[in-house]
Amino acid sequence: DCIWQEYNLQIFNRWGELLFETNDPKKSWNGKYKNTRVAKDYYVWIATYTALENTIPTVFMQKGIVYVLD
């Protein structure tokens, strides 16, 4: 329940190669890179967004891991 001002989601493989990026919070990764399904593995995601917190623009960053299954 926050007011988004900026948003960025990035997904990387284990070698740090950027596989997916979006600035649209409604868009999700389909598990493909260059129209090919990625291998069964762990992938790192980083989400950075600016939201209003008590009317003050505040930058947040969250990161985690997603595991792609066959």
PDB file of N, CA and C in Angstrom:
ATOM      1  N   ASP A   1       0.829  -1.197   0.000  1.00  0.00           N
ATOM      2  CA  ASP A   1       0.000   0.000   0.000  1.00  0.00           C
ATOM      3  C   ASP A   1       0.870   1.257   0.000  1.00  0.00           C
ATOM      4  N   CYS A   2       1.759   1.356  -0.963  1.00  0.00           N
ATOM      5  CA  CYS A   2       2.601   2.537  -1.037  1.00  0.00           C
ATOM      6  C   CYS A   2       2.459   3.166  -2.423  1.00  0.00           C
ATOM      7  N   ILE A   3       2.878   4.391  -2.530  1.00  0.00           N
ATOM      8  CA  ILE A   3       2.832   5.093  -3.801  1.00  0.00           C
ATOM      9  C   ILE A   3       4.218   4.954  -4.440  1.00  0.00           C
ATOM     10  N   TRP A   4       4.295   4.210  -5.549  1.00  0.00           N
ATOM     11  CA  TRP A   4       5.547   3.973  -6.241  1.00  0.00           C
ATOM     12  C   TRP A   4       5.921   5.194  -7.055  1.00  0.00           C
ATOM     13  N   GLN A   5       7.180   5.552  -7.019  1.00  0.00           N
ATOM     14  CA  GLN A   5       7.678   6.603  -7.891  1.00  0.00           C
ATOM     15  C   GLN A   5       8.638   6.013  -8.919  1.00  0.00           C
ATOM     16  N   GLU A   6       9.439   5.057  -8.508  1.00  0.00           N
ATOM     17  CA  GLU A   6      10.369   4.373  -9.402  1.00  0.00           C
ATOM     18  C   GLU A   6      10.443   2.915  -8.986  1.00  0.00           C
ATOM     19  N   TYR A   7      10.727   2.029  -9.962  1.00  0.00           N
ATOM     20  CA  TYR A   7      10.793   0.605  -9.686  1.00  0.00           C
ATOM     21  C   TYR A   7      11.773  -0.030 -10.667  1.00  0.00           C
ATOM     22  N   ASN A   8      12.568  -0.990 -10.197  1.00  0.00           N
ATOM     23  CA  ASN A   8      13.463  -1.729 -11.071  1.00  0.00           C
ATOM     24  C   ASN A   8      13.653  -3.128 -10.505  1.00  0.00           C
ATOM     25  N   LEU A   9      13.470  -4.139 -11.352  1.00  0.00           N
ATOM     26  CA  LEU A   9      13.701  -5.532 -10.974  1.00  0.00           C
ATOM     27  C   LEU A   9      14.721  -6.112 -11.940  1.00  0.00           C
ATOM     28  N   GLN A  10      15.750  -6.753 -11.376  1.00  0.00           N
ATOM     29  CA  GLN A  10      16.782  -7.391 -12.186  1.00  0.00           C
ATOM     30  C   GLN A  10      16.959  -8.833 -11.722  1.00  0.00           C
ATOM     31  N   ILE A  11      17.218  -9.726 -12.684  1.00  0.00           N
ATOM     32  CA  ILE A  11      17.499 -11.127 -12.373  1.00  0.00           C
ATOM     33  C   ILE A  11      18.812 -11.504 -13.038  1.00  0.00           C
ATOM     34  N   PHE A  12      19.698 -12.131 -12.253  1.00  0.00           N
ATOM     35  CA  PHE A  12      21.036 -12.479 -12.698  1.00  0.00           C
ATOM     36  C   PHE A  12      21.283 -13.980 -12.551  1.00  0.00           C
ATOM     37  N   ASN A  13      22.177 -14.505 -13.402  1.00  0.00           N
ATOM     38  CA  ASN A  13      22.599 -15.891 -13.215  1.00  0.00           C
ATOM     39  C   ASN A  13      23.782 -15.929 -12.244  1.00  0.00           C
ATOM     40  N   ARG A  14      24.318 -17.110 -11.987  1.00  0.00           N
ATOM     41  CA  ARG A  14      25.385 -17.260 -10.985  1.00  0.00           C
ATOM     42  C   ARG A  14      26.686 -16.573 -11.374  1.00  0.00           C
ATOM     43  N   TRP A  15      26.832 -16.193 -12.647  1.00  0.00           N
ATOM     44  CA  TRP A  15      28.032 -15.501 -13.104  1.00  0.00           C
ATOM     45  C   TRP A  15      27.830 -13.992 -13.185  1.00  0.00           C
ATOM     46  N   GLY A  16      26.685 -13.521 -12.711  1.00  0.00           N
ATOM     47  CA  GLY A  16      26.421 -12.091 -12.684  1.00  0.00           C
ATOM     48  C   GLY A  16      25.880 -11.520 -13.978  1.00  0.00           C
ATOM     49  N   GLU A  17      25.531 -12.387 -14.914  1.00  0.00           N
ATOM     50  CA  GLU A  17      24.978 -11.926 -16.188  1.00  0.00           C
ATOM     51  C   GLU A  17      23.514 -11.532 -16.001  1.00  0.00           C
ATOM     52  N   LEU A  18      23.150 -10.350 -16.461  1.00  0.00           N
ATOM     53  CA  LEU A  18      21.775  -9.865 -16.349  1.00  0.00           C
ATOM     54  C   LEU A  18      20.898 -10.617 -17.343  1.00  0.00           C
ATOM     55  N   LEU A  19      19.884 -11.330 -16.835  1.00  0.00           N
ATOM     56  CA  LEU A  19      18.991 -12.119 -17.677  1.00  0.00           C
ATOM     57  C   LEU A  19      17.668 -11.420 -17.939  1.00  0.00           C
ATOM     58  N   PHE A  20      17.245 -10.583 -16.999  1.00  0.00           N
ATOM     59  CA  PHE A  20      15.929  -9.944 -17.100  1.00  0.00           C
ATOM     60  C   PHE A  20      15.972  -8.636 -16.345  1.00  0.00           C
ATOM     61  N   GLU A  21      15.285  -7.627 -16.893  1.00  0.00           N
ATOM     62  CA  GLU A  21      15.160  -6.345 -16.200  1.00  0.00           C
ATOM     63  C   GLU A  21      13.855  -5.689 -16.612  1.00  0.00           C
ATOM     64  N   THR A  22      13.188  -5.084 -15.656  1.00  0.00           N
ATOM     65  CA  THR A  22      11.963  -4.361 -15.936  1.00  0.00           C
ATOM     66  C   THR A  22      11.810  -3.184 -14.983  1.00  0.00           C
ATOM     67  N   ASN A  23      11.115  -2.168 -15.461  1.00  0.00           N
ATOM     68  CA  ASN A  23      10.741  -1.031 -14.626  1.00  0.00           C
ATOM     69  C   ASN A  23       9.241  -1.025 -14.370  1.00  0.00           C
ATOM     70  N   ASP A  24       8.573  -2.078 -14.812  1.00  0.00           N
ATOM     71  CA  ASP A  24       7.121  -2.215 -14.653  1.00  0.00           C
ATOM     72  C   ASP A  24       6.831  -3.195 -13.521  1.00  0.00           C
ATOM     73  N   PRO A  25       6.287  -2.737 -12.402  1.00  0.00           N
ATOM     74  CA  PRO A  25       6.034  -3.640 -11.268  1.00  0.00           C
ATOM     75  C   PRO A  25       4.995  -4.722 -11.560  1.00  0.00           C
ATOM     76  N   LYS A  26       4.286  -4.611 -12.665  1.00  0.00           N
ATOM     77  CA  LYS A  26       3.285  -5.625 -13.027  1.00  0.00           C
ATOM     78  C   LYS A  26       3.852  -6.693 -13.957  1.00  0.00           C
ATOM     79  N   LYS A  27       5.098  -6.505 -14.411  1.00  0.00           N
ATOM     80  CA  LYS A  27       5.713  -7.446 -15.332  1.00  0.00           C
ATOM     81  C   LYS A  27       6.571  -8.440 -14.557  1.00  0.00           C
ATOM     82  N   SER A  28       6.473  -9.710 -14.927  1.00  0.00           N
ATOM     83  CA  SER A  28       7.242 -10.745 -14.230  1.00  0.00           C
ATOM     84  C   SER A  28       8.146 -11.490 -15.216  1.00  0.00           C
ATOM     85  N   TRP A  29       9.137 -12.179 -14.663  1.00  0.00           N
ATOM     86  CA  TRP A  29      10.070 -12.965 -15.467  1.00  0.00           C
ATOM     87  C   TRP A  29       9.447 -14.301 -15.791  1.00  0.00           C
ATOM     88  N   ASN A  30       9.559 -14.733 -17.042  1.00  0.00           N
ATOM     89  CA  ASN A  30       8.973 -16.007 -17.461  1.00  0.00           C
ATOM     90  C   ASN A  30       9.971 -17.165 -17.430  1.00  0.00           C
ATOM     91  N   GLY A  31      11.170 -16.938 -16.885  1.00  0.00           N
ATOM     92  CA  GLY A  31      12.164 -17.999 -16.785  1.00  0.00           C
ATOM     93  C   GLY A  31      12.940 -18.219 -18.069  1.00  0.00           C
ATOM     94  N   LYS A  32      12.851 -17.255 -18.983  1.00  0.00           N
ATOM     95  CA  LYS A  32      13.570 -17.378 -20.254  1.00  0.00           C
ATOM     96  C   LYS A  32      14.601 -16.271 -20.389  1.00  0.00           C
ATOM     97  N   TYR A  33      15.639 -16.593 -21.165  1.00  0.00           N
ATOM     98  CA  TYR A  33      16.669 -15.619 -21.517  1.00  0.00           C
ATOM     99  C   TYR A  33      16.920 -15.780 -23.008  1.00  0.00           C
ATOM    100  N   LYS A  34      16.770 -14.696 -23.744  1.00  0.00           N
ATOM    101  CA  LYS A  34      16.895 -14.723 -25.216  1.00  0.00           C
ATOM    102  C   LYS A  34      15.982 -15.781 -25.813  1.00  0.00           C
ATOM    103  N   ASN A  35      14.734 -15.810 -25.324  1.00  0.00           N
ATOM    104  CA  ASN A  35      13.668 -16.714 -25.794  1.00  0.00           C
ATOM    105  C   ASN A  35      13.954 -18.195 -25.567  1.00  0.00           C
ATOM    106  N   THR A  36      14.892 -18.510 -24.676  1.00  0.00           N
ATOM    107  CA  THR A  36      15.198 -19.902 -24.343  1.00  0.00           C
ATOM    108  C   THR A  36      15.054 -20.094 -22.842  1.00  0.00           C
ATOM    109  N   ARG A  37      14.395 -21.162 -22.456  1.00  0.00           N
ATOM    110  CA  ARG A  37      14.221 -21.474 -21.036  1.00  0.00           C
ATOM    111  C   ARG A  37      15.589 -21.632 -20.368  1.00  0.00           C
ATOM    112  N   VAL A  38      15.760 -21.002 -19.203  1.00  0.00           N
ATOM    113  CA  VAL A  38      17.032 -21.108 -18.491  1.00  0.00           C
ATOM    114  C   VAL A  38      17.154 -22.479 -17.839  1.00  0.00           C
ATOM    115  N   ALA A  39      18.374 -22.840 -17.488  1.00  0.00           N
ATOM    116  CA  ALA A  39      18.648 -24.133 -16.861  1.00  0.00           C
ATOM    117  C   ALA A  39      18.108 -24.170 -15.428  1.00  0.00           C
ATOM    118  N   LYS A  40      17.864 -25.370 -14.961  1.00  0.00           N
ATOM    119  CA  LYS A  40      17.457 -25.591 -13.573  1.00  0.00           C
ATOM    120  C   LYS A  40      18.598 -25.120 -12.688  1.00  0.00           C
ATOM    121  N   ASP A  41      18.361 -24.070 -11.896  1.00  0.00           N
ATOM    122  CA  ASP A  41      19.443 -23.475 -11.116  1.00  0.00           C
ATOM    123  C   ASP A  41      18.865 -22.395 -10.211  1.00  0.00           C
ATOM    124  N   TYR A  42      19.750 -21.800  -9.413  1.00  0.00           N
ATOM    125  CA  TYR A  42      19.404 -20.658  -8.577  1.00  0.00           C
ATOM    126  C   TYR A  42      19.719 -19.375  -9.338  1.00  0.00           C
ATOM    127  N   TYR A  43      18.866 -18.363  -9.169  1.00  0.00           N
ATOM    128  CA  TYR A  43      19.054 -17.068  -9.811  1.00  0.00           C
ATOM    129  C   TYR A  43      18.829 -15.974  -8.770  1.00  0.00           C
ATOM    130  N   VAL A  44      19.608 -14.930  -8.861  1.00  0.00           N
ATOM    131  CA  VAL A  44      19.536 -13.820  -7.902  1.00  0.00           C
ATOM    132  C   VAL A  44      18.623 -12.734  -8.454  1.00  0.00           C
ATOM    133  N   TRP A  45      17.760 -12.205  -7.608  1.00  0.00           N
ATOM    134  CA  TRP A  45      16.929 -11.068  -8.010  1.00  0.00           C
ATOM    135  C   TRP A  45      17.213  -9.890  -7.088  1.00  0.00           C
ATOM    136  N   ILE A  46      17.159  -8.698  -7.667  1.00  0.00           N
ATOM    137  CA  ILE A  46      17.332  -7.457  -6.913  1.00  0.00           C
ATOM    138  C   ILE A  46      16.215  -6.509  -7.329  1.00  0.00           C
ATOM    139  N   ALA A  47      15.464  -6.050  -6.363  1.00  0.00           N
ATOM    140  CA  ALA A  47      14.393  -5.080  -6.609  1.00  0.00           C
ATOM    141  C   ALA A  47      14.741  -3.783  -5.897  1.00  0.00           C
ATOM    142  N   THR A  48      14.741  -2.711  -6.652  1.00  0.00           N
ATOM    143  CA  THR A  48      14.992  -1.380  -6.098  1.00  0.00           C
ATOM    144  C   THR A  48      13.792  -0.521  -6.442  1.00  0.00           C
ATOM    145  N   TYR A  49      13.284   0.195  -5.451  1.00  0.00           N
ATOM    146  CA  TYR A  49      12.125   1.043  -5.721  1.00  0.00           C
ATOM    147  C   TYR A  49      12.145   2.259  -4.816  1.00  0.00           C
ATOM    148  N   THR A  50      11.514   3.306  -5.305  1.00  0.00           N
ATOM    149  CA  THR A  50      11.339   4.522  -4.527  1.00  0.00           C
ATOM    150  C   THR A  50       9.858   4.648  -4.216  1.00  0.00           C
ATOM    151  N   ALA A  51       9.552   4.850  -2.964  1.00  0.00           N
ATOM    152  CA  ALA A  51       8.164   4.983  -2.525  1.00  0.00           C
ATOM    153  C   ALA A  51       8.073   6.150  -1.551  1.00  0.00           C
ATOM    154  N   LEU A  52       6.878   6.674  -1.442  1.00  0.00           N
ATOM    155  CA  LEU A  52       6.663   7.750  -0.474  1.00  0.00           C
ATOM    156  C   LEU A  52       6.438   7.147   0.900  1.00  0.00           C
ATOM    157  N   GLU A  53       7.248   7.563   1.845  1.00  0.00           N
ATOM    158  CA  GLU A  53       7.105   7.132   3.230  1.00  0.00           C
ATOM    159  C   GLU A  53       6.915   8.389   4.067  1.00  0.00           C
ATOM    160  N   ASN A  54       5.693   8.594   4.546  1.00  0.00           N
ATOM    161  CA  ASN A  54       5.348   9.834   5.251  1.00  0.00           C
ATOM    162  C   ASN A  54       5.627  11.052   4.381  1.00  0.00           C
ATOM    163  N   THR A  55       5.247  10.954   3.111  1.00  0.00           N
ATOM    164  CA  THR A  55       5.403  11.991   2.083  1.00  0.00           C
ATOM    165  C   THR A  55       6.855  12.276   1.702  1.00  0.00           C
ATOM    166  N   ILE A  56       7.788  11.455   2.156  1.00  0.00           N
ATOM    167  CA  ILE A  56       9.205  11.630   1.816  1.00  0.00           C
ATOM    168  C   ILE A  56       9.614  10.493   0.875  1.00  0.00           C
ATOM    169  N   PRO A  57      10.142  10.818  -0.314  1.00  0.00           N
ATOM    170  CA  PRO A  57      10.608   9.752  -1.209  1.00  0.00           C
ATOM    171  C   PRO A  57      11.770   8.984  -0.567  1.00  0.00           C
ATOM    172  N   THR A  58      11.604   7.661  -0.477  1.00  0.00           N
ATOM    173  CA  THR A  58      12.597   6.817   0.166  1.00  0.00           C
ATOM    174  C   THR A  58      12.949   5.668  -0.764  1.00  0.00           C
ATOM    175  N   VAL A  59      14.244   5.392  -0.915  1.00  0.00           N
ATOM    176  CA  VAL A  59      14.700   4.305  -1.774  1.00  0.00           C
ATOM    177  C   VAL A  59      14.835   3.030  -0.944  1.00  0.00           C
ATOM    178  N   PHE A  60      14.285   1.943  -1.472  1.00  0.00           N
ATOM    179  CA  PHE A  60      14.351   0.634  -0.829  1.00  0.00           C
ATOM    180  C   PHE A  60      15.017  -0.339  -1.787  1.00  0.00           C
ATOM    181  N   MET A  61      15.740  -1.320  -1.241  1.00  0.00           N
ATOM    182  CA  MET A  61      16.319  -2.377  -2.056  1.00  0.00           C
ATOM    183  C   MET A  61      16.098  -3.702  -1.345  1.00  0.00           C
ATOM    184  N   GLN A  62      15.624  -4.662  -2.094  1.00  0.00           N
ATOM    185  CA  GLN A  62      15.455  -6.012  -1.572  1.00  0.00           C
ATOM    186  C   GLN A  62      16.116  -6.965  -2.548  1.00  0.00           C
ATOM    187  N   LYS A  63      16.627  -8.075  -2.037  1.00  0.00           N
ATOM    188  CA  LYS A  63      17.242  -9.064  -2.910  1.00  0.00           C
ATOM    189  C   LYS A  63      16.972 -10.450  -2.375  1.00  0.00           C
ATOM    190  N   GLY A  64      17.093 -11.409  -3.246  1.00  0.00           N
ATOM    191  CA  GLY A  64      16.840 -12.780  -2.855  1.00  0.00           C
ATOM    192  C   GLY A  64      17.233 -13.741  -3.959  1.00  0.00           C
ATOM    193  N   ILE A  65      16.829 -14.975  -3.785  1.00  0.00           N
ATOM    194  CA  ILE A  65      17.156 -16.034  -4.735  1.00  0.00           C
ATOM    195  C   ILE A  65      15.870 -16.736  -5.149  1.00  0.00           C
ATOM    196  N   VAL A  66      15.806 -17.053  -6.424  1.00  0.00           N
ATOM    197  CA  VAL A  66      14.688 -17.846  -6.939  1.00  0.00           C
ATOM    198  C   VAL A  66      15.282 -19.092  -7.567  1.00  0.00           C
ATOM    199  N   TYR A  67      14.633 -20.217  -7.370  1.00  0.00           N
ATOM    200  CA  TYR A  67      15.108 -21.478  -7.946  1.00  0.00           C
ATOM    201  C   TYR A  67      14.190 -21.863  -9.088  1.00  0.00           C
ATOM    202  N   VAL A  68      14.758 -22.065 -10.249  1.00  0.00           N
ATOM    203  CA  VAL A  68      13.983 -22.480 -11.419  1.00  0.00           C
ATOM    204  C   VAL A  68      14.007 -23.997 -11.504  1.00  0.00           C
ATOM    205  N   LEU A  69      12.824 -24.588 -11.562  1.00  0.00           N
ATOM    206  CA  LEU A  69      12.677 -26.035 -11.696  1.00  0.00           C
ATOM    207  C   LEU A  69      12.483 -26.394 -13.155  1.00  0.00           C
ATOM    208  N   ASP A  70      12.700 -27.643 -13.488  1.00  0.00           N
ATOM    209  CA  ASP A  70      12.460 -28.122 -14.863  1.00  0.00           C
ATOM    210  C   ASP A  70      11.006 -27.928 -15.231  1.00  0.00           C
TER     211      ASP A  70
END
